[in-house]
Structure formats: C-alpha cells, structure tokens
Amino acid sequence: MLAALLGLLGGTALQLQQAALWSQAVYIGFVLLAGGFYALVQSKFIASRFTASRLGSGLLPGLGISLALGVLAFGVNGLRSDHFLSGALAPGLEGRDITVVGVVTAMPQRHDAGVRFRLDVASATLQGAPVRVPSTIDLSWYAGVLTGAEGANELQRQPVALHPGERWQITVRLKAPHGNSNPHGFDYELWAWEQGVQATGYVRAGPKDAPPQRLASTWQHPVEQARQWVRERIEARVTDHNQAGLIAALVVGDQNAIERTDWDVFRATGVAHLMSISGLHITMFAWAAALVIGWLWRRSSRLCAWRPAPMAALVGGVMLAGAYALFSGW
C-alpha cells in the first residue's frame, strides 16, 4: 500500500511540473504501458525468480507496483488536463456578445454591485451562428449604470431573482479566468480549475441588448434549490438583516450574506474562522446528532436487539453530518 501511494503521488507530482502538455496519444500510451508493466510485475514469471529471496519477494515487487502506478498517475493526469484544456474559451470569442442558453447550477450570490451565478451552458451562438464555449461559466449581472465601449453610460436592466434549476437565454461577454500572480496568495485560476469553470463574464443587459429570458424551471439541482429556499425563508422571518446574514452563513454556507462590517469585526476579534462552515462545525454537528440518535435508539428494546445503540449513533451521526456538508455547499 505504501509503495502504491508513493507511486501515485510521484507520478502526479511529476506531471504537474510539465510546462506544456503532450498529445493525448502520448498519455494514453503511458496508461497502457502502466497496465502492461503492472501485469508483468504480478505475473508468475517474475514471481518465480524472486520468491526464494526476501529481497525479491518484498522489495522488487513493491518497487514495480510503485513504478507502474506512477506511470499510470502521470498518464491519467495528463489526459485529464488535456481534456479540460480542450474545452477552454477560444481567444477569438473573448469580449464578443454571445447568446447562451443554460441552466443555473448553484445558489446565486448577491453583492453590492449585483448578483453572481454559475451557468451550465447547453448552446451558444454568435450573430446567429453556433459557437463552442466552456460548459461551465461564472457570470455577474450588474445593477445600475455600465460604461459602454464609447465611454457613454448605459442604464442596465436590473437583475431579477434567479433560482437554481432555471433555464435562461442571455447575452454575455466572456473571458478566460485570470488571477494575480501573488506568491502564497489566493490563486483564482487554480480555484476556477478546481470548480470546472473555464470562463467568466457578465450579462449584457443594456437598453440595446436583447433582454434576458427565463425559459423554464427544471427539476435539476434540487439541493441548491433547497438551499436557496431556506435562505429566503431566513431572510423573510429574521427582521435584523445582519442577523439573518449570519444565520444563513451558518445554515446554508452563504458567507456572502454576512455584511462587510461584520466581517471586519470577526477578523479583528479572531473569530472569522467560526463563520465559515468547516470541519469544526461538521464535527460538532456529527457529535450532537450521534447523541440524539443514541438516546432515541435506547428507548426501543427491539432496535437495541437488532443493532447496538453506539453503532447506530455512529452511523447516524456520520450520515447526518454528510447531509449537512452537502446542504451547506461542501
């Protein structure tokens, strides 16, 4: 197991050092080579020559497995990177007015300037001709006034309520994700890569642009729909806006609901980490859920005869903690 883990880690680390990707055929060759080498290591031909010595029966097969899985990790990571890069936004499409049809996939995030949301693109057209854009994009729909290309100010159409699972047709301007090259700082491009986002942009909602159209409401992304429903219920029932934002952040993981002034207070007092759902919150929730489940389980002799209460508390606590992590956006 140690040899296998070292091989996977080494192969992955080596591939990440590549300044440029090779072709898919090369990485497929590495995957096939790894499979053949692993079969060779495990074959009776190799085993029969080293079973008599401790070195051959332990060290050499372990090195062979490590090398085979290292080659496999190198090939698989190269294929993954090449496949992801093939869906990147074409440079010629940056800054163009593109009409896209897609589904809102996550709970929209409101901010002072408008709203941000994620869209899974089903189709895209440029001046009536179909074009290929990344399948997942992050968009901003700004409120108020937007400065046009000629320097004139245009009054934007105000953002409307967006919900996960809705299918929209909108005109957007896209660009590839770019981040600041600050050592040890937040790497926005890496974060976008992890999220599967290959383009960002904004909604064109000026007076000369085609108005965004809500085409349908679908059943897709039910967890995100439930998260937004709970957030809206919190905002409707809690009259204090600051308290509503804090509750929403702790219940559904919407940290943007917390006011900036409150974040300043939390950072100054050293409790900002408590406002973001983390392992601490998940562990506390699992512990509390296990206590409740164990107490209820012990009330039934039939259940205790079927499974011990500590086991039921353990399984139930883990399952409910997983559900809480899912509901809070992972």
Protein backbone atom coordinates (compact mmCIF):
# COMPACT_ATOMS: atom_id res chain seq x y z
CA MET A 1 0.00 0.00 0.00
CA LEU A 2 2.82 2.42 0.84
CA ALA A 3 4.54 1.67 -2.48
CA ALA A 4 1.27 2.23 -4.34
CA LEU A 5 0.62 5.58 -2.63
CA LEU A 6 4.18 6.77 -3.24
CA GLY A 7 3.88 5.83 -6.90
CA LEU A 8 0.58 7.68 -7.37
CA LEU A 9 1.91 10.76 -5.59
CA GLY A 10 5.20 10.76 -7.52
CA GLY A 11 3.55 10.33 -10.92
CA THR A 12 1.05 13.10 -10.22
CA ALA A 13 3.74 15.48 -8.96
CA LEU A 14 5.92 14.79 -12.00
CA GLN A 15 3.10 15.51 -14.45
CA LEU A 16 2.28 18.79 -12.70
CA GLN A 17 5.81 20.02 -13.46
CA GLN A 18 5.21 19.92 -17.21
CA ALA A 19 5.48 23.37 -18.77
CA ALA A 20 3.34 22.24 -21.74
CA LEU A 21 1.05 19.29 -22.34
CA TRP A 22 1.79 16.50 -24.78
CA SER A 23 -0.78 14.97 -27.11
CA GLN A 24 -3.50 12.65 -25.85
CA ALA A 25 -1.92 9.72 -27.69
CA VAL A 26 1.24 10.01 -25.58
CA TYR A 27 -0.69 9.97 -22.31
CA ILE A 28 -2.81 7.04 -23.50
CA GLY A 29 0.47 5.25 -24.23
CA PHE A 30 1.61 5.86 -20.65
CA VAL A 31 -1.65 4.39 -19.31
CA LEU A 32 -1.29 1.30 -21.48
CA LEU A 33 2.38 0.98 -20.51
CA ALA A 34 1.44 1.13 -16.84
CA GLY A 35 -1.14 -1.64 -17.28
CA GLY A 36 1.30 -3.87 -19.10
CA PHE A 37 4.09 -3.26 -16.60
CA TYR A 38 1.79 -3.98 -13.66
CA ALA A 39 0.70 -7.25 -15.27
CA LEU A 40 4.35 -8.15 -15.80
CA VAL A 41 5.22 -7.48 -12.17
CA GLN A 42 2.32 -9.64 -10.98
CA SER A 43 2.99 -12.46 -13.40
CA LYS A 44 4.21 -15.85 -12.26
CA PHE A 45 7.31 -15.41 -14.42
CA ILE A 46 8.58 -12.56 -12.26
CA ALA A 47 7.40 -14.12 -9.01
CA SER A 48 9.10 -17.43 -9.73
CA ARG A 49 12.52 -15.79 -9.92
CA PHE A 50 12.36 -13.93 -6.65
CA THR A 51 10.24 -16.00 -4.28
CA ALA A 52 13.35 -17.63 -2.90
CA SER A 53 14.83 -14.37 -1.62
CA ARG A 54 13.32 -11.90 0.77
CA LEU A 55 14.58 -9.02 -1.35
CA GLY A 56 12.85 -10.33 -4.43
CA SER A 57 9.58 -11.26 -2.73
CA GLY A 58 9.21 -7.92 -0.94
CA LEU A 59 11.26 -5.03 -2.26
CA LEU A 60 11.31 -5.60 -6.01
CA PRO A 61 7.56 -6.26 -6.44
CA GLY A 62 6.87 -3.18 -4.30
CA LEU A 63 9.14 -1.06 -6.49
CA GLY A 64 7.45 -2.48 -9.57
CA ILE A 65 3.99 -1.61 -8.28
CA SER A 66 5.18 1.88 -7.31
CA LEU A 67 6.65 2.46 -10.76
CA ALA A 68 3.57 1.09 -12.55
CA LEU A 69 1.17 3.29 -10.58
CA GLY A 70 3.48 6.27 -11.01
CA VAL A 71 3.35 5.87 -14.79
CA LEU A 72 -0.44 5.40 -14.56
CA ALA A 73 -0.88 8.59 -12.50
CA PHE A 74 1.29 10.52 -14.94
CA GLY A 75 -0.80 9.38 -17.91
CA VAL A 76 -4.20 9.84 -16.26
CA ASN A 77 -3.39 13.35 -15.01
CA GLY A 78 -2.08 14.31 -18.43
CA LEU A 79 -5.27 13.05 -20.07
CA ARG A 80 -7.41 14.90 -17.54
CA SER A 81 -5.52 18.14 -18.11
CA ASP A 82 -5.63 17.81 -21.89
CA HIS A 83 -9.36 17.07 -21.84
CA PHE A 84 -10.07 20.06 -19.62
CA LEU A 85 -7.89 22.36 -21.71
CA SER A 86 -9.70 21.31 -24.89
CA GLY A 87 -12.87 22.95 -23.54
CA ALA A 88 -11.26 26.33 -22.87
CA LEU A 89 -12.69 29.54 -24.28
CA ALA A 90 -11.31 30.38 -27.73
CA PRO A 91 -9.39 33.71 -27.64
CA GLY A 92 -11.43 34.99 -30.59
CA LEU A 93 -14.61 34.80 -28.53
CA GLU A 94 -13.38 36.97 -25.67
CA GLY A 95 -15.22 40.26 -25.41
CA ARG A 96 -17.85 39.32 -28.01
CA ASP A 97 -21.61 39.41 -27.43
CA ILE A 98 -22.58 35.73 -27.27
CA THR A 99 -26.09 34.44 -26.71
CA VAL A 100 -26.08 31.42 -24.44
CA VAL A 101 -28.80 29.07 -23.21
CA GLY A 102 -28.10 27.29 -19.97
CA VAL A 103 -29.23 26.22 -16.52
CA VAL A 104 -28.37 27.96 -13.26
CA THR A 105 -26.49 25.34 -11.26
CA ALA A 106 -25.82 26.95 -7.87
CA MET A 107 -27.39 29.32 -5.41
CA PRO A 108 -26.79 32.86 -6.75
CA GLN A 109 -24.60 35.11 -4.63
CA ARG A 110 -25.78 38.67 -4.13
CA HIS A 111 -23.33 41.53 -3.64
CA ASP A 112 -23.38 45.34 -3.63
CA ALA A 113 -23.00 45.62 -7.41
CA GLY A 114 -25.50 42.93 -8.43
CA VAL A 115 -25.56 39.14 -8.38
CA ARG A 116 -23.13 36.36 -9.34
CA PHE A 117 -24.25 32.95 -10.53
CA ARG A 118 -22.96 29.81 -12.25
CA LEU A 119 -24.39 28.57 -15.53
CA ASP A 120 -24.15 25.20 -17.29
CA VAL A 121 -24.21 26.10 -20.97
CA ALA A 122 -26.35 23.99 -23.32
CA SER A 123 -25.83 26.06 -26.51
CA ALA A 124 -24.21 29.28 -27.64
CA THR A 125 -24.48 31.44 -30.75
CA LEU A 126 -22.54 34.41 -32.09
CA GLN A 127 -24.52 36.54 -34.53
CA GLY A 128 -26.82 33.58 -35.16
CA ALA A 129 -24.01 31.07 -35.82
CA PRO A 130 -23.36 28.30 -33.27
CA VAL A 131 -20.08 28.53 -31.36
CA ARG A 132 -18.44 26.38 -28.70
CA VAL A 133 -17.91 27.89 -25.27
CA PRO A 134 -16.94 26.22 -21.98
CA SER A 135 -19.66 24.09 -20.47
CA THR A 136 -19.49 25.85 -17.08
CA ILE A 137 -19.16 29.62 -16.71
CA ASP A 138 -19.40 32.13 -13.87
CA LEU A 139 -21.42 35.27 -14.63
CA SER A 140 -22.15 38.59 -12.96
CA TRP A 141 -25.33 40.54 -13.55
CA TYR A 142 -24.57 44.09 -12.56
CA ALA A 143 -27.10 46.64 -11.37
CA GLY A 144 -27.14 50.35 -12.08
CA VAL A 145 -25.02 52.06 -14.74
CA LEU A 146 -22.47 50.41 -17.01
CA THR A 147 -19.90 52.33 -19.06
CA GLY A 148 -20.14 51.39 -22.72
CA ALA A 149 -17.35 50.97 -25.30
CA GLU A 150 -17.64 54.61 -26.40
CA GLY A 151 -17.44 55.86 -22.84
CA ALA A 152 -21.17 56.55 -22.60
CA ASN A 153 -23.05 55.40 -19.52
CA GLU A 154 -25.83 52.89 -20.12
CA LEU A 155 -28.55 52.08 -17.61
CA GLN A 156 -28.56 48.34 -17.06
CA ARG A 157 -31.68 46.23 -16.70
CA GLN A 158 -31.86 45.41 -13.03
CA PRO A 159 -31.07 41.81 -12.01
CA VAL A 160 -34.11 39.68 -11.36
CA ALA A 161 -34.49 36.80 -8.92
CA LEU A 162 -32.52 33.78 -10.12
CA HIS A 163 -33.02 30.24 -8.84
CA PRO A 164 -31.04 27.03 -9.36
CA GLY A 165 -32.58 24.78 -11.99
CA GLU A 166 -33.90 27.65 -14.11
CA ARG A 167 -33.07 27.68 -17.82
CA TRP A 168 -32.16 31.11 -19.16
CA GLN A 169 -31.30 32.67 -22.52
CA ILE A 170 -28.96 35.61 -22.03
CA THR A 171 -26.38 37.66 -23.90
CA VAL A 172 -22.97 37.60 -22.23
CA ARG A 173 -19.40 38.73 -22.71
CA LEU A 174 -16.80 36.18 -21.63
CA LYS A 175 -13.10 35.97 -20.89
CA ALA A 176 -10.74 33.29 -19.66
CA PRO A 177 -10.21 33.26 -15.87
CA HIS A 178 -7.18 35.29 -14.80
CA GLY A 179 -5.71 35.79 -11.36
CA ASN A 180 -2.96 37.82 -9.73
CA SER A 181 0.47 36.18 -9.53
CA ASN A 182 0.96 36.87 -5.83
CA PRO A 183 3.23 34.28 -4.16
CA HIS A 184 1.40 32.39 -1.41
CA GLY A 185 -1.77 34.37 -2.13
CA PHE A 186 -5.15 33.17 -3.34
CA ASP A 187 -4.78 31.51 -6.74
CA TYR A 188 -8.01 32.39 -8.54
CA GLU A 189 -7.13 30.48 -11.71
CA LEU A 190 -6.43 27.31 -9.74
CA TRP A 191 -9.70 27.74 -7.84
CA ALA A 192 -11.58 28.12 -11.13
CA TRP A 193 -9.85 24.98 -12.45
CA GLU A 194 -10.95 23.05 -9.36
CA GLN A 195 -14.52 24.26 -9.85
CA GLY A 196 -14.52 23.30 -13.53
CA VAL A 197 -15.02 26.93 -14.58
CA GLN A 198 -13.21 27.90 -17.78
CA ALA A 199 -14.76 31.29 -18.49
CA THR A 200 -16.11 34.23 -16.54
CA GLY A 201 -18.09 37.19 -17.74
CA TYR A 202 -21.10 39.39 -17.28
CA VAL A 203 -24.65 39.66 -18.55
CA ARG A 204 -25.26 42.21 -21.30
CA ALA A 205 -28.45 43.89 -20.13
CA GLY A 206 -28.21 47.37 -21.60
CA PRO A 207 -31.05 49.08 -23.47
CA LYS A 208 -29.68 47.92 -26.85
CA ASP A 209 -29.19 44.29 -25.78
CA ALA A 210 -31.75 41.53 -26.04
CA PRO A 211 -33.41 41.17 -22.63
CA PRO A 212 -32.55 38.03 -20.63
CA GLN A 213 -35.33 35.45 -20.85
CA ARG A 214 -36.29 32.82 -18.31
CA LEU A 215 -37.21 29.85 -20.50
CA ALA A 216 -38.25 27.27 -17.92
CA SER A 217 -37.87 25.95 -14.39
CA THR A 218 -36.43 22.45 -14.24
CA TRP A 219 -36.03 19.77 -11.58
CA GLN A 220 -32.24 19.94 -11.87
CA HIS A 221 -30.05 20.79 -8.85
CA PRO A 222 -32.62 20.09 -6.12
CA VAL A 223 -30.11 20.54 -3.28
CA GLU A 224 -29.23 24.04 -4.47
CA GLN A 225 -32.93 24.83 -4.81
CA ALA A 226 -33.49 23.73 -1.22
CA ARG A 227 -30.54 25.81 -0.01
CA GLN A 228 -31.93 28.95 -1.66
CA TRP A 229 -35.43 28.26 -0.32
CA VAL A 230 -34.07 28.04 3.23
CA ARG A 231 -32.00 31.22 2.75
CA GLU A 232 -35.06 33.11 1.54
CA ARG A 233 -37.14 31.85 4.49
CA ILE A 234 -34.44 33.02 6.91
CA GLU A 235 -34.34 36.47 5.31
CA ALA A 236 -38.14 36.70 5.40
CA ARG A 237 -38.51 35.73 9.06
CA VAL A 238 -35.48 37.41 10.68
CA THR A 239 -36.06 41.15 10.70
CA ASP A 240 -32.47 42.12 11.56
CA HIS A 241 -30.58 41.99 8.25
CA ASN A 242 -27.20 41.38 9.89
CA GLN A 243 -28.51 38.51 11.99
CA ALA A 244 -30.26 36.99 9.00
CA GLY A 245 -26.99 37.00 7.06
CA LEU A 246 -25.13 35.35 9.93
CA ILE A 247 -27.76 32.62 10.28
CA ALA A 248 -27.77 31.99 6.53
CA ALA A 249 -23.98 31.68 6.54
CA LEU A 250 -24.06 29.05 9.30
CA VAL A 251 -27.06 27.11 7.95
CA VAL A 252 -26.55 27.03 4.18
CA GLY A 253 -22.94 28.17 3.87
CA ASP A 254 -23.69 31.54 2.24
CA GLN A 255 -20.78 33.58 3.61
CA ASN A 256 -21.62 36.44 1.22
CA ALA A 257 -24.76 37.05 3.26
CA ILE A 258 -22.62 38.44 6.10
CA GLU A 259 -22.14 42.20 5.92
CA ARG A 260 -18.63 43.53 5.30
CA THR A 261 -18.67 45.50 8.55
CA ASP A 262 -19.44 42.29 10.45
CA TRP A 263 -16.54 40.52 8.72
CA ASP A 264 -14.27 43.33 9.92
CA VAL A 265 -15.44 42.76 13.49
CA PHE A 266 -14.98 38.99 13.22
CA ARG A 267 -11.45 39.37 11.83
CA ALA A 268 -10.49 41.91 14.49
CA THR A 269 -11.73 39.63 17.27
CA GLY A 270 -10.18 36.48 15.79
CA VAL A 271 -13.42 34.54 15.21
CA ALA A 272 -13.73 34.86 11.42
CA HIS A 273 -12.97 31.15 11.01
CA LEU A 274 -16.07 30.31 13.05
CA MET A 275 -18.32 31.99 10.48
CA SER A 276 -17.33 29.60 7.67
CA ILE A 277 -18.66 26.07 7.85
CA SER A 278 -15.61 23.89 8.37
CA GLY A 279 -14.55 20.64 9.95
CA LEU A 280 -15.26 22.11 13.38
CA HIS A 281 -18.93 22.69 12.56
CA ILE A 282 -19.33 19.32 10.84
CA THR A 283 -17.73 17.50 13.79
CA MET A 284 -19.90 19.30 16.34
CA PHE A 285 -22.99 18.51 14.29
CA ALA A 286 -22.00 14.84 13.98
CA TRP A 287 -21.38 14.64 17.73
CA ALA A 288 -24.75 16.22 18.59
CA ALA A 289 -26.58 14.05 16.04
CA ALA A 290 -24.94 10.91 17.43
CA LEU A 291 -26.03 11.82 20.97
CA VAL A 292 -29.63 12.35 19.90
CA ILE A 293 -29.77 9.18 17.78
CA GLY A 294 -28.20 7.09 20.55
CA TRP A 295 -30.66 8.45 23.14
CA LEU A 296 -33.64 7.72 20.88
CA TRP A 297 -32.30 4.28 19.92
CA ARG A 298 -32.05 3.20 23.57
CA ARG A 299 -35.75 3.91 24.02
CA SER A 300 -36.54 0.82 21.91
CA SER A 301 -35.58 -2.66 23.09
CA ARG A 302 -36.33 -4.07 19.64
CA LEU A 303 -33.90 -1.69 17.95
CA CYS A 304 -31.21 -2.39 20.54
CA ALA A 305 -31.64 -6.12 19.95
CA TRP A 306 -31.21 -5.54 16.21
CA ARG A 307 -28.16 -3.25 16.41
CA PRO A 308 -26.27 -1.77 19.39
CA ALA A 309 -27.08 1.85 20.17
CA PRO A 310 -23.43 3.05 19.88
CA MET A 311 -23.22 1.61 16.36
CA ALA A 312 -26.49 3.24 15.35
CA ALA A 313 -25.34 6.56 16.82
CA LEU A 314 -22.05 6.34 14.91
CA VAL A 315 -23.65 5.55 11.56
CA GLY A 316 -26.46 8.06 12.01
CA GLY A 317 -24.10 10.83 13.10
CA VAL A 318 -21.84 10.32 10.09
CA MET A 319 -24.79 10.22 7.67
CA LEU A 320 -26.38 13.36 9.07
CA ALA A 321 -23.03 15.16 9.10
CA GLY A 322 -22.59 14.22 5.44
CA ALA A 323 -26.06 15.60 4.69
CA TYR A 324 -25.18 18.84 6.49
CA ALA A 325 -21.95 19.15 4.49
CA LEU A 326 -23.90 18.59 1.27
CA PHE A 327 -26.58 21.11 2.21
CA SER A 328 -24.01 23.75 3.13
CA GLY A 329 -22.35 23.55 -0.29
CA TRP A 330 -19.42 21.28 0.64
